[in-house]
N, C-alpha and C. Protein backbone atom coordinates (compact mmCIF):
# COMPACT_ATOMS: atom_id res chain seq x y z
N UNK A 1 -14.05 19.76 11.57
CA UNK A 1 -13.76 18.36 11.87
C UNK A 1 -12.40 17.99 11.27
N UNK A 2 -11.48 17.56 12.15
CA UNK A 2 -10.13 17.23 11.66
C UNK A 2 -10.15 15.86 11.00
N UNK A 3 -9.67 15.84 9.78
CA UNK A 3 -9.62 14.58 9.03
C UNK A 3 -8.37 13.82 9.43
N UNK A 4 -8.54 12.53 9.77
CA UNK A 4 -7.37 11.69 10.07
C UNK A 4 -7.09 10.84 8.84
N UNK A 5 -5.81 10.67 8.55
CA UNK A 5 -5.45 9.86 7.39
C UNK A 5 -5.80 8.39 7.58
N UNK A 6 -5.90 7.68 6.49
CA UNK A 6 -6.20 6.25 6.48
C UNK A 6 -5.02 5.52 5.85
N UNK A 7 -4.75 4.30 6.35
CA UNK A 7 -3.74 3.46 5.71
C UNK A 7 -4.41 2.70 4.57
N UNK A 8 -3.84 2.83 3.38
CA UNK A 8 -4.33 2.10 2.21
C UNK A 8 -3.24 1.10 1.83
N UNK A 9 -3.56 -0.18 1.95
CA UNK A 9 -2.59 -1.21 1.59
C UNK A 9 -2.91 -1.71 0.19
N UNK A 10 -1.94 -1.61 -0.70
CA UNK A 10 -2.16 -1.99 -2.10
C UNK A 10 -1.30 -3.20 -2.45
N UNK A 11 -1.94 -4.25 -2.94
CA UNK A 11 -1.23 -5.44 -3.40
C UNK A 11 -1.69 -5.73 -4.82
N UNK A 12 -1.02 -6.69 -5.44
CA UNK A 12 -1.42 -7.08 -6.79
C UNK A 12 -0.36 -7.97 -7.39
N UNK A 13 -0.74 -8.68 -8.41
CA UNK A 13 0.22 -9.56 -9.08
C UNK A 13 1.36 -8.73 -9.67
N UNK A 14 2.53 -9.34 -9.74
CA UNK A 14 3.64 -8.68 -10.44
C UNK A 14 3.24 -8.51 -11.90
N UNK A 15 3.29 -7.26 -12.40
CA UNK A 15 2.87 -7.01 -13.77
C UNK A 15 1.48 -6.41 -13.88
N UNK A 16 0.76 -6.34 -12.73
CA UNK A 16 -0.60 -5.77 -12.76
C UNK A 16 -0.56 -4.25 -12.86
N UNK A 17 0.60 -3.66 -12.58
CA UNK A 17 0.77 -2.21 -12.74
C UNK A 17 0.46 -1.40 -11.49
N UNK A 18 0.51 -2.06 -10.30
CA UNK A 18 0.14 -1.33 -9.07
C UNK A 18 1.06 -0.15 -8.80
N UNK A 19 2.37 -0.33 -9.05
CA UNK A 19 3.32 0.76 -8.81
C UNK A 19 3.03 1.96 -9.69
N UNK A 20 2.72 1.70 -10.94
CA UNK A 20 2.41 2.78 -11.90
C UNK A 20 1.14 3.51 -11.47
N UNK A 21 0.13 2.74 -11.05
CA UNK A 21 -1.14 3.34 -10.61
C UNK A 21 -0.91 4.24 -9.40
N UNK A 22 -0.13 3.76 -8.43
CA UNK A 22 0.09 4.54 -7.20
C UNK A 22 0.90 5.81 -7.46
N UNK A 23 1.89 5.70 -8.35
CA UNK A 23 2.68 6.90 -8.70
C UNK A 23 1.78 7.94 -9.38
N UNK A 24 0.91 7.48 -10.28
CA UNK A 24 0.00 8.41 -10.98
C UNK A 24 -1.00 9.02 -9.99
N UNK A 25 -1.46 8.22 -9.03
CA UNK A 25 -2.42 8.69 -8.02
C UNK A 25 -1.79 9.79 -7.16
N UNK A 26 -0.56 9.54 -6.67
CA UNK A 26 0.08 10.52 -5.78
C UNK A 26 0.53 11.77 -6.55
N UNK A 27 0.76 11.61 -7.86
CA UNK A 27 1.12 12.79 -8.66
C UNK A 27 -0.10 13.67 -8.89
N UNK A 28 -1.27 13.05 -9.03
CA UNK A 28 -2.49 13.81 -9.35
C UNK A 28 -3.15 14.41 -8.10
N UNK A 29 -3.12 13.67 -6.99
CA UNK A 29 -3.79 14.12 -5.76
C UNK A 29 -2.75 14.30 -4.66
N UNK A 30 -2.85 15.42 -3.97
CA UNK A 30 -1.80 15.75 -3.00
C UNK A 30 -2.09 15.23 -1.58
N UNK A 31 -3.25 14.59 -1.38
CA UNK A 31 -3.57 14.13 -0.02
C UNK A 31 -3.12 12.69 0.23
N UNK A 32 -2.23 12.18 -0.65
CA UNK A 32 -1.70 10.83 -0.47
C UNK A 32 -0.18 10.88 -0.32
N UNK A 33 0.35 9.96 0.48
CA UNK A 33 1.81 9.79 0.56
C UNK A 33 2.13 8.32 0.38
N UNK A 34 3.10 8.03 -0.47
CA UNK A 34 3.57 6.65 -0.60
C UNK A 34 4.50 6.37 0.57
N UNK A 35 4.24 5.29 1.28
CA UNK A 35 5.10 4.94 2.40
C UNK A 35 6.50 4.59 1.90
N UNK A 36 7.50 4.96 2.67
CA UNK A 36 8.88 4.65 2.30
C UNK A 36 9.37 3.55 3.22
N UNK A 37 9.86 2.47 2.64
CA UNK A 37 10.34 1.34 3.44
C UNK A 37 11.76 1.58 3.92
N UNK A 38 12.09 0.92 5.03
CA UNK A 38 13.48 0.87 5.47
C UNK A 38 14.08 -0.42 4.91
N UNK A 39 15.35 -0.37 4.53
CA UNK A 39 16.01 -1.58 4.02
C UNK A 39 17.47 -1.61 4.44
N UNK A 40 18.00 -2.81 4.56
CA UNK A 40 19.42 -2.95 4.91
C UNK A 40 20.28 -3.12 3.66
N UNK A 41 19.67 -3.12 2.46
CA UNK A 41 20.50 -3.23 1.25
C UNK A 41 21.14 -1.88 0.93
N UNK A 42 22.20 -1.92 0.13
CA UNK A 42 22.89 -0.68 -0.25
C UNK A 42 22.07 0.09 -1.28
N UNK A 43 22.18 1.43 -1.29
CA UNK A 43 21.48 2.21 -2.33
C UNK A 43 22.00 1.85 -3.72
N UNK A 44 21.09 1.80 -4.68
CA UNK A 44 21.50 1.63 -6.08
C UNK A 44 21.80 3.00 -6.66
N UNK A 45 22.51 3.06 -7.80
CA UNK A 45 22.82 4.37 -8.40
C UNK A 45 21.55 5.21 -8.58
N UNK A 46 21.59 6.45 -8.13
CA UNK A 46 20.45 7.35 -8.32
C UNK A 46 19.46 7.33 -7.16
N UNK A 47 19.55 6.33 -6.26
CA UNK A 47 18.62 6.27 -5.12
C UNK A 47 19.10 7.19 -4.01
N UNK A 48 18.14 7.80 -3.31
CA UNK A 48 18.47 8.72 -2.22
C UNK A 48 17.83 8.25 -0.93
N UNK A 49 18.58 8.39 0.17
CA UNK A 49 18.03 8.03 1.48
C UNK A 49 16.82 8.92 1.78
N UNK A 50 15.71 8.31 2.18
CA UNK A 50 14.51 9.08 2.50
C UNK A 50 13.63 9.36 1.30
N UNK A 51 14.08 8.96 0.10
CA UNK A 51 13.22 9.13 -1.08
C UNK A 51 12.73 7.76 -1.56
N UNK A 52 13.66 6.93 -2.06
CA UNK A 52 13.24 5.57 -2.46
C UNK A 52 13.09 4.66 -1.23
N UNK A 53 14.09 4.75 -0.34
CA UNK A 53 14.10 3.94 0.89
C UNK A 53 14.78 4.73 1.99
N UNK A 54 14.58 4.27 3.24
CA UNK A 54 15.46 4.67 4.34
C UNK A 54 16.52 3.58 4.40
N UNK A 55 17.77 3.92 4.12
CA UNK A 55 18.84 2.91 4.12
C UNK A 55 19.45 2.84 5.52
N UNK A 56 19.37 1.67 6.13
CA UNK A 56 19.85 1.51 7.51
C UNK A 56 20.75 0.27 7.61
N UNK A 57 21.52 0.23 8.70
CA UNK A 57 22.40 -0.94 8.91
C UNK A 57 21.57 -2.08 9.52
N UNK A 58 22.14 -3.28 9.52
CA UNK A 58 21.47 -4.43 10.15
C UNK A 58 21.17 -4.14 11.62
N UNK A 59 22.16 -3.50 12.30
CA UNK A 59 21.99 -3.21 13.74
C UNK A 59 20.81 -2.25 13.95
N UNK A 60 20.75 -1.19 13.11
CA UNK A 60 19.65 -0.22 13.24
C UNK A 60 18.30 -0.90 12.98
N UNK A 61 18.29 -1.79 11.98
CA UNK A 61 17.02 -2.46 11.62
C UNK A 61 16.57 -3.36 12.77
N UNK A 62 17.53 -4.11 13.34
CA UNK A 62 17.18 -5.03 14.43
C UNK A 62 16.71 -4.25 15.67
N UNK A 63 17.28 -3.05 15.86
CA UNK A 63 16.85 -2.18 16.97
C UNK A 63 15.39 -1.74 16.73
N UNK A 64 15.06 -1.39 15.47
CA UNK A 64 13.68 -1.00 15.14
C UNK A 64 12.70 -2.15 15.43
N UNK A 65 13.10 -3.38 15.06
CA UNK A 65 12.24 -4.55 15.31
C UNK A 65 12.00 -4.67 16.82
N UNK A 66 13.10 -4.59 17.59
CA UNK A 66 13.03 -4.78 19.04
C UNK A 66 12.15 -3.71 19.70
N UNK A 67 12.23 -2.48 19.18
CA UNK A 67 11.48 -1.37 19.80
C UNK A 67 10.09 -1.19 19.20
N UNK A 68 9.64 -2.17 18.40
CA UNK A 68 8.32 -2.10 17.76
C UNK A 68 8.20 -0.87 16.86
N UNK A 69 9.31 -0.54 16.21
CA UNK A 69 9.35 0.65 15.36
C UNK A 69 8.93 0.38 13.92
N UNK A 70 8.53 -0.88 13.64
CA UNK A 70 8.11 -1.23 12.28
C UNK A 70 6.70 -1.80 12.32
N UNK A 71 5.89 -1.42 11.34
CA UNK A 71 4.53 -1.95 11.24
C UNK A 71 4.57 -3.39 10.75
N UNK A 72 5.45 -3.63 9.78
CA UNK A 72 5.65 -4.99 9.27
C UNK A 72 7.06 -5.05 8.72
N UNK A 73 7.60 -6.27 8.68
CA UNK A 73 8.93 -6.42 8.09
C UNK A 73 9.09 -7.85 7.58
N UNK A 74 10.03 -8.02 6.67
CA UNK A 74 10.31 -9.34 6.12
C UNK A 74 11.73 -9.36 5.61
N UNK A 75 12.27 -10.56 5.45
CA UNK A 75 13.60 -10.71 4.88
C UNK A 75 13.50 -11.23 3.46
N UNK A 76 14.23 -10.58 2.53
CA UNK A 76 14.30 -11.05 1.15
C UNK A 76 15.75 -11.06 0.71
N UNK A 77 16.20 -12.19 0.24
CA UNK A 77 17.55 -12.33 -0.33
C UNK A 77 18.61 -11.61 0.52
N UNK A 78 18.81 -12.10 1.73
CA UNK A 78 19.86 -11.60 2.64
C UNK A 78 19.68 -10.17 3.13
N UNK A 79 18.53 -9.54 2.85
CA UNK A 79 18.32 -8.18 3.36
C UNK A 79 16.96 -8.07 4.03
N UNK A 80 16.86 -7.12 4.93
CA UNK A 80 15.58 -6.82 5.58
C UNK A 80 14.88 -5.68 4.85
N UNK A 81 13.55 -5.74 4.85
CA UNK A 81 12.73 -4.62 4.38
C UNK A 81 11.61 -4.46 5.40
N UNK A 82 11.21 -3.22 5.68
CA UNK A 82 10.11 -3.02 6.62
C UNK A 82 9.53 -1.61 6.52
N UNK A 83 8.36 -1.44 7.12
CA UNK A 83 7.65 -0.15 7.07
C UNK A 83 7.79 0.57 8.41
N UNK A 84 8.51 1.70 8.45
CA UNK A 84 8.71 2.42 9.72
C UNK A 84 7.40 3.00 10.26
N UNK A 85 7.13 2.70 11.51
CA UNK A 85 5.88 3.14 12.15
C UNK A 85 5.79 4.66 12.26
N UNK A 86 6.90 5.32 12.63
CA UNK A 86 6.86 6.77 12.86
C UNK A 86 6.47 7.53 11.59
N UNK A 87 7.07 7.17 10.46
CA UNK A 87 6.76 7.85 9.19
C UNK A 87 5.26 7.76 8.90
N UNK A 88 4.71 6.55 9.05
CA UNK A 88 3.29 6.32 8.73
C UNK A 88 2.40 7.10 9.69
N UNK A 89 2.67 7.01 10.99
CA UNK A 89 1.76 7.63 11.97
C UNK A 89 1.84 9.16 11.94
N UNK A 90 3.02 9.71 11.64
CA UNK A 90 3.14 11.17 11.50
C UNK A 90 2.25 11.67 10.36
N UNK A 91 2.29 10.94 9.24
CA UNK A 91 1.46 11.33 8.07
C UNK A 91 -0.03 11.21 8.41
N UNK A 92 -0.43 10.09 9.01
CA UNK A 92 -1.85 9.87 9.35
C UNK A 92 -2.35 10.99 10.26
N UNK A 93 -1.53 11.36 11.25
CA UNK A 93 -1.95 12.39 12.20
C UNK A 93 -2.06 13.77 11.56
N UNK A 94 -1.36 13.96 10.43
CA UNK A 94 -1.48 15.25 9.75
C UNK A 94 -2.55 15.21 8.65
N UNK A 95 -3.35 14.13 8.65
CA UNK A 95 -4.49 14.06 7.73
C UNK A 95 -4.17 13.52 6.34
N UNK A 96 -2.96 12.98 6.19
CA UNK A 96 -2.55 12.42 4.89
C UNK A 96 -2.86 10.93 4.86
N UNK A 97 -3.41 10.44 3.75
CA UNK A 97 -3.62 9.00 3.57
C UNK A 97 -2.31 8.37 3.12
N UNK A 98 -1.92 7.29 3.79
CA UNK A 98 -0.63 6.66 3.49
C UNK A 98 -0.86 5.37 2.70
N UNK A 99 -0.18 5.28 1.55
CA UNK A 99 -0.31 4.10 0.69
C UNK A 99 0.90 3.21 0.88
N UNK A 100 0.63 1.95 1.21
CA UNK A 100 1.69 0.96 1.36
C UNK A 100 1.53 -0.09 0.28
N UNK A 101 2.58 -0.28 -0.50
CA UNK A 101 2.57 -1.33 -1.54
C UNK A 101 3.23 -2.56 -0.94
N UNK A 102 2.42 -3.57 -0.64
CA UNK A 102 2.94 -4.72 0.11
C UNK A 102 2.28 -6.00 -0.40
N UNK A 103 2.99 -7.12 -0.25
CA UNK A 103 2.37 -8.39 -0.67
C UNK A 103 1.35 -8.85 0.39
N UNK A 104 0.65 -9.94 0.07
CA UNK A 104 -0.51 -10.35 0.88
C UNK A 104 -0.18 -10.58 2.36
N UNK A 105 0.93 -11.30 2.65
CA UNK A 105 1.22 -11.60 4.07
C UNK A 105 1.41 -10.31 4.87
N UNK A 106 2.16 -9.35 4.29
CA UNK A 106 2.39 -8.08 4.97
C UNK A 106 1.09 -7.31 5.13
N UNK A 107 0.23 -7.37 4.12
CA UNK A 107 -1.06 -6.66 4.16
C UNK A 107 -1.90 -7.17 5.34
N UNK A 108 -1.89 -8.49 5.54
CA UNK A 108 -2.70 -9.05 6.63
C UNK A 108 -2.08 -8.72 8.00
N UNK A 109 -0.75 -8.62 8.04
CA UNK A 109 -0.07 -8.18 9.29
C UNK A 109 -0.56 -6.78 9.67
N UNK A 110 -0.65 -5.92 8.66
CA UNK A 110 -1.05 -4.53 8.91
C UNK A 110 -2.51 -4.46 9.35
N UNK A 111 -3.37 -5.24 8.72
CA UNK A 111 -4.81 -5.23 9.06
C UNK A 111 -5.03 -5.64 10.52
N UNK A 112 -4.16 -6.53 11.02
CA UNK A 112 -4.28 -6.96 12.43
C UNK A 112 -4.02 -5.79 13.38
N UNK A 113 -3.06 -4.93 13.00
CA UNK A 113 -2.70 -3.81 13.88
C UNK A 113 -3.58 -2.59 13.68
N UNK A 114 -3.98 -2.36 12.43
CA UNK A 114 -4.79 -1.18 12.11
C UNK A 114 -6.11 -1.68 11.51
N UNK A 115 -7.09 -1.85 12.38
CA UNK A 115 -8.36 -2.47 11.94
C UNK A 115 -9.04 -1.66 10.82
N UNK A 116 -8.80 -0.34 10.81
CA UNK A 116 -9.49 0.48 9.80
C UNK A 116 -8.65 0.68 8.53
N UNK A 117 -7.53 -0.05 8.42
CA UNK A 117 -6.76 0.01 7.16
C UNK A 117 -7.63 -0.55 6.03
N UNK A 118 -7.45 0.00 4.84
CA UNK A 118 -8.24 -0.43 3.68
C UNK A 118 -7.32 -1.23 2.76
N UNK A 119 -7.72 -2.45 2.43
CA UNK A 119 -6.91 -3.33 1.59
C UNK A 119 -7.44 -3.34 0.15
N UNK A 120 -6.59 -2.93 -0.78
CA UNK A 120 -6.96 -2.88 -2.21
C UNK A 120 -6.11 -3.86 -2.99
N UNK A 121 -6.74 -4.62 -3.86
CA UNK A 121 -5.98 -5.55 -4.71
C UNK A 121 -6.13 -5.12 -6.16
N UNK A 122 -5.00 -4.80 -6.80
CA UNK A 122 -5.02 -4.34 -8.20
C UNK A 122 -4.88 -5.56 -9.11
N UNK A 123 -5.83 -5.69 -10.04
CA UNK A 123 -5.85 -6.86 -10.93
C UNK A 123 -5.81 -6.43 -12.40
N UNK A 124 -5.22 -7.27 -13.25
CA UNK A 124 -5.30 -7.00 -14.69
C UNK A 124 -6.67 -7.44 -15.19
N UNK A 125 -7.08 -7.02 -16.39
CA UNK A 125 -8.39 -7.44 -16.91
C UNK A 125 -8.48 -8.95 -17.14
N UNK A 126 -7.32 -9.61 -17.41
CA UNK A 126 -7.33 -11.05 -17.66
C UNK A 126 -5.93 -11.60 -17.40
N UNK A 127 -5.85 -12.94 -17.26
CA UNK A 127 -4.54 -13.59 -17.06
C UNK A 127 -3.67 -13.43 -18.30
N UNK A 128 -4.30 -13.48 -19.46
CA UNK A 128 -3.58 -13.32 -20.73
C UNK A 128 -2.90 -11.94 -20.78
N UNK A 129 -3.68 -10.93 -20.37
CA UNK A 129 -3.16 -9.55 -20.35
C UNK A 129 -1.97 -9.44 -19.38
N UNK A 130 -2.08 -10.14 -18.25
CA UNK A 130 -0.98 -10.13 -17.27
C UNK A 130 0.29 -10.69 -17.90
N UNK A 131 0.15 -11.82 -18.58
CA UNK A 131 1.31 -12.44 -19.24
C UNK A 131 1.90 -11.49 -20.29
N UNK A 132 1.02 -10.84 -21.05
CA UNK A 132 1.50 -9.92 -22.09
C UNK A 132 2.24 -8.73 -21.49
N UNK A 133 1.74 -8.23 -20.36
CA UNK A 133 2.43 -7.10 -19.70
C UNK A 133 3.81 -7.52 -19.21
N UNK A 134 3.88 -8.72 -18.63
CA UNK A 134 5.18 -9.20 -18.14
C UNK A 134 6.16 -9.37 -19.30
N UNK A 135 5.67 -9.91 -20.41
CA UNK A 135 6.55 -10.09 -21.58
C UNK A 135 6.92 -8.73 -22.19
N UNK A 136 5.96 -7.80 -22.14
CA UNK A 136 6.16 -6.48 -22.73
C UNK A 136 7.24 -5.66 -22.04
N UNK A 137 7.53 -6.00 -20.78
CA UNK A 137 8.60 -5.29 -20.08
C UNK A 137 9.95 -5.52 -20.77
N UNK A 138 10.10 -6.72 -21.34
CA UNK A 138 11.34 -7.06 -22.03
C UNK A 138 12.54 -7.18 -21.12
N UNK A 139 12.31 -7.28 -19.81
CA UNK A 139 13.45 -7.31 -18.88
C UNK A 139 13.62 -8.68 -18.24
N UNK A 140 12.66 -9.58 -18.46
CA UNK A 140 12.71 -10.85 -17.74
C UNK A 140 12.75 -12.05 -18.67
N UNK A 141 13.43 -13.07 -18.21
CA UNK A 141 13.53 -14.32 -19.00
C UNK A 141 12.21 -15.07 -18.92
N UNK A 142 12.04 -16.04 -19.81
CA UNK A 142 10.84 -16.89 -19.78
C UNK A 142 10.68 -17.56 -18.42
N UNK A 143 11.81 -17.97 -17.87
CA UNK A 143 11.79 -18.67 -16.57
C UNK A 143 11.22 -17.76 -15.48
N UNK A 144 11.69 -16.51 -15.45
CA UNK A 144 11.22 -15.54 -14.43
C UNK A 144 9.74 -15.24 -14.65
N UNK A 145 9.33 -15.11 -15.90
CA UNK A 145 7.91 -14.84 -16.20
C UNK A 145 7.05 -16.00 -15.71
N UNK A 146 7.54 -17.24 -15.94
CA UNK A 146 6.79 -18.41 -15.46
C UNK A 146 6.67 -18.40 -13.94
N UNK A 147 7.77 -18.01 -13.27
CA UNK A 147 7.76 -17.93 -11.79
C UNK A 147 6.74 -16.89 -11.32
N UNK A 148 6.70 -15.75 -11.99
CA UNK A 148 5.78 -14.68 -11.59
C UNK A 148 4.33 -15.10 -11.80
N UNK A 149 4.07 -15.81 -12.90
CA UNK A 149 2.70 -16.28 -13.16
C UNK A 149 2.30 -17.36 -12.15
N UNK A 150 3.26 -18.18 -11.78
CA UNK A 150 3.00 -19.23 -10.79
C UNK A 150 2.71 -18.59 -9.43
N UNK A 151 3.47 -17.54 -9.10
CA UNK A 151 3.24 -16.81 -7.84
C UNK A 151 1.86 -16.14 -7.87
N UNK A 152 1.47 -15.62 -9.03
CA UNK A 152 0.15 -14.99 -9.16
C UNK A 152 -0.95 -16.01 -8.85
N UNK A 153 -0.74 -17.25 -9.28
CA UNK A 153 -1.72 -18.31 -9.01
C UNK A 153 -1.91 -18.49 -7.50
N UNK A 154 -0.79 -18.48 -6.76
CA UNK A 154 -0.85 -18.61 -5.29
C UNK A 154 -1.55 -17.39 -4.68
N UNK A 155 -1.16 -16.21 -5.15
CA UNK A 155 -1.72 -14.97 -4.57
C UNK A 155 -3.22 -14.85 -4.85
N UNK A 156 -3.66 -15.41 -5.97
CA UNK A 156 -5.09 -15.34 -6.32
C UNK A 156 -5.96 -16.00 -5.25
N UNK A 157 -5.34 -16.91 -4.47
CA UNK A 157 -6.11 -17.60 -3.41
C UNK A 157 -6.42 -16.68 -2.22
N UNK A 158 -5.71 -15.55 -2.12
CA UNK A 158 -5.90 -14.70 -0.93
C UNK A 158 -6.67 -13.42 -1.19
N UNK A 159 -7.17 -13.26 -2.43
CA UNK A 159 -7.78 -11.97 -2.81
C UNK A 159 -9.03 -11.65 -1.99
N UNK A 160 -9.77 -12.69 -1.58
CA UNK A 160 -11.03 -12.40 -0.86
C UNK A 160 -10.79 -11.81 0.54
N UNK A 161 -9.53 -11.78 1.00
CA UNK A 161 -9.23 -11.12 2.28
C UNK A 161 -9.19 -9.59 2.14
N UNK A 162 -9.26 -9.10 0.91
CA UNK A 162 -9.16 -7.66 0.66
C UNK A 162 -10.54 -6.99 0.71
N UNK A 163 -10.52 -5.68 0.91
CA UNK A 163 -11.78 -4.92 0.98
C UNK A 163 -12.30 -4.59 -0.41
N UNK A 164 -11.39 -4.31 -1.35
CA UNK A 164 -11.79 -3.91 -2.70
C UNK A 164 -10.83 -4.51 -3.72
N UNK A 165 -11.36 -4.81 -4.91
CA UNK A 165 -10.48 -5.10 -6.03
C UNK A 165 -10.64 -3.96 -7.03
N UNK A 166 -9.55 -3.66 -7.72
CA UNK A 166 -9.58 -2.61 -8.74
C UNK A 166 -8.96 -3.20 -10.01
N UNK A 167 -9.70 -3.13 -11.11
CA UNK A 167 -9.19 -3.63 -12.38
C UNK A 167 -8.38 -2.53 -13.06
N UNK A 168 -7.12 -2.82 -13.33
CA UNK A 168 -6.26 -1.84 -14.02
C UNK A 168 -6.29 -2.13 -15.52
N UNK A 169 -7.29 -1.54 -16.19
CA UNK A 169 -7.37 -1.69 -17.64
C UNK A 169 -6.73 -0.46 -18.30
N UNK A 170 -7.29 0.72 -18.00
CA UNK A 170 -6.74 1.97 -18.52
C UNK A 170 -6.26 2.78 -17.32
N UNK A 171 -5.02 3.23 -17.35
CA UNK A 171 -4.39 3.85 -16.18
C UNK A 171 -5.22 4.98 -15.58
N UNK A 172 -5.66 5.95 -16.40
CA UNK A 172 -6.40 7.12 -15.87
C UNK A 172 -7.68 6.68 -15.16
N UNK A 173 -8.39 5.71 -15.76
CA UNK A 173 -9.64 5.22 -15.16
C UNK A 173 -9.37 4.53 -13.83
N UNK A 174 -8.30 3.76 -13.80
CA UNK A 174 -7.96 3.02 -12.59
C UNK A 174 -7.61 3.98 -11.45
N UNK A 175 -6.85 5.03 -11.77
CA UNK A 175 -6.49 6.04 -10.77
C UNK A 175 -7.75 6.68 -10.19
N UNK A 176 -8.71 7.01 -11.05
CA UNK A 176 -9.96 7.62 -10.59
C UNK A 176 -10.75 6.67 -9.69
N UNK A 177 -10.77 5.38 -10.09
CA UNK A 177 -11.51 4.40 -9.28
C UNK A 177 -10.91 4.28 -7.88
N UNK A 178 -9.57 4.24 -7.82
CA UNK A 178 -8.91 4.14 -6.51
C UNK A 178 -9.23 5.37 -5.66
N UNK A 179 -9.14 6.56 -6.26
CA UNK A 179 -9.44 7.79 -5.52
C UNK A 179 -10.89 7.81 -5.04
N UNK A 180 -11.82 7.36 -5.89
CA UNK A 180 -13.24 7.32 -5.52
C UNK A 180 -13.48 6.38 -4.33
N UNK A 181 -12.81 5.22 -4.34
CA UNK A 181 -12.96 4.25 -3.24
C UNK A 181 -12.48 4.88 -1.94
N UNK A 182 -11.29 5.50 -1.97
CA UNK A 182 -10.72 6.07 -0.74
C UNK A 182 -11.59 7.22 -0.23
N UNK A 183 -12.11 8.03 -1.15
CA UNK A 183 -12.99 9.14 -0.76
C UNK A 183 -14.25 8.59 -0.07
N UNK A 184 -14.81 7.53 -0.65
CA UNK A 184 -16.02 6.92 -0.06
C UNK A 184 -15.72 6.37 1.33
N UNK A 185 -14.55 5.74 1.49
CA UNK A 185 -14.17 5.15 2.77
C UNK A 185 -14.11 6.23 3.86
N UNK A 186 -13.62 7.41 3.50
CA UNK A 186 -13.54 8.51 4.48
C UNK A 186 -14.93 8.90 5.01
N UNK A 187 -15.97 8.58 4.25
CA UNK A 187 -17.32 9.01 4.64
C UNK A 187 -18.15 7.93 5.32
N UNK A 188 -17.53 6.82 5.72
CA UNK A 188 -18.30 5.80 6.44
C UNK A 188 -18.57 6.28 7.86
N UNK A 189 -19.72 5.92 8.43
CA UNK A 189 -20.06 6.38 9.78
C UNK A 189 -19.01 6.02 10.84
N UNK A 190 -18.43 4.82 10.76
CA UNK A 190 -17.47 4.42 11.80
C UNK A 190 -16.20 5.27 11.79
N UNK A 191 -15.93 5.97 10.69
CA UNK A 191 -14.76 6.85 10.65
C UNK A 191 -15.14 8.29 10.99
N UNK A 192 -16.39 8.52 11.29
CA UNK A 192 -16.86 9.88 11.57
C UNK A 192 -17.67 9.95 12.86
N UNK A 193 -17.30 9.10 13.80
CA UNK A 193 -18.08 9.02 15.06
C UNK A 193 -18.04 10.33 15.83
N UNK A 194 -16.90 11.00 15.81
CA UNK A 194 -16.77 12.27 16.53
C UNK A 194 -17.78 13.29 15.98
N UNK A 195 -17.85 13.38 14.67
CA UNK A 195 -18.78 14.31 14.02
C UNK A 195 -20.22 13.93 14.32
N UNK A 196 -20.53 12.62 14.24
CA UNK A 196 -21.89 12.15 14.51
C UNK A 196 -22.30 12.48 15.95
N UNK A 197 -21.39 12.20 16.89
CA UNK A 197 -21.70 12.45 18.30
C UNK A 197 -21.86 13.95 18.57
N UNK A 198 -21.05 14.75 17.88
CA UNK A 198 -21.15 16.19 18.03
C UNK A 198 -22.51 16.68 17.48
N UNK A 199 -22.93 16.11 16.37
CA UNK A 199 -24.23 16.46 15.79
C UNK A 199 -25.37 16.09 16.76
N UNK A 200 -25.26 14.91 17.37
CA UNK A 200 -26.29 14.49 18.35
C UNK A 200 -26.35 15.46 19.52
N UNK A 201 -25.15 15.87 19.98
CA UNK A 201 -25.10 16.80 21.10
C UNK A 201 -25.78 18.12 20.73
N UNK A 202 -25.47 18.63 19.52
CA UNK A 202 -26.06 19.89 19.06
C UNK A 202 -27.60 19.77 18.98
N UNK A 203 -28.06 18.63 18.46
CA UNK A 203 -29.52 18.42 18.31
C UNK A 203 -30.19 18.41 19.68
N UNK A 204 -29.51 17.79 20.65
CA UNK A 204 -30.09 17.73 22.01
C UNK A 204 -30.16 19.10 22.66
N UNK A 205 -29.27 20.00 22.20
CA UNK A 205 -29.26 21.35 22.81
C UNK A 205 -30.28 22.28 22.16
N UNK A 206 -30.83 21.88 21.03
CA UNK A 206 -31.78 22.76 20.33
C UNK A 206 -33.07 22.90 21.13
């Protein structure tokens, strides 16, 4: 039975550690691929085309939009960002689960197109812990931290649209929980109809 990959959409508050969890997950298990976004911004020092992002011109990006070559896209601070359809579908067809780290609006866009996509929301153990993690980064001003916490308040209103929540308390435990959820999802009857129908056919032939 050929396994088809599943789209896993991961969202979470800024500071919840979703990026760290996904990097640890893909480092430990080889059947996952982190989706690479296309962007019209310039590469930063050390970034490589096709590794951190696909770097494209405005014209190329607009052509992708017109040709339905993106699963979702959005504009942030004078630049476009989007998820290339070909990259995702090639991976899915080769049996790899594709992880997309996207905010809530993008996640819901994807669910409309791919009904069997799995939506995961990564949460900290508490709001206090979230604030401490943001402060612990040491990279953001009080003003930015307040903005991120305020945004978290808005995002908290959309969590019930997700299929699963995962509490990121201890990194290793969280990685295992995410892997267990995805493994369980692969075994639902609606994702194994071909196998079920084949089994029925075999039983009828006995």
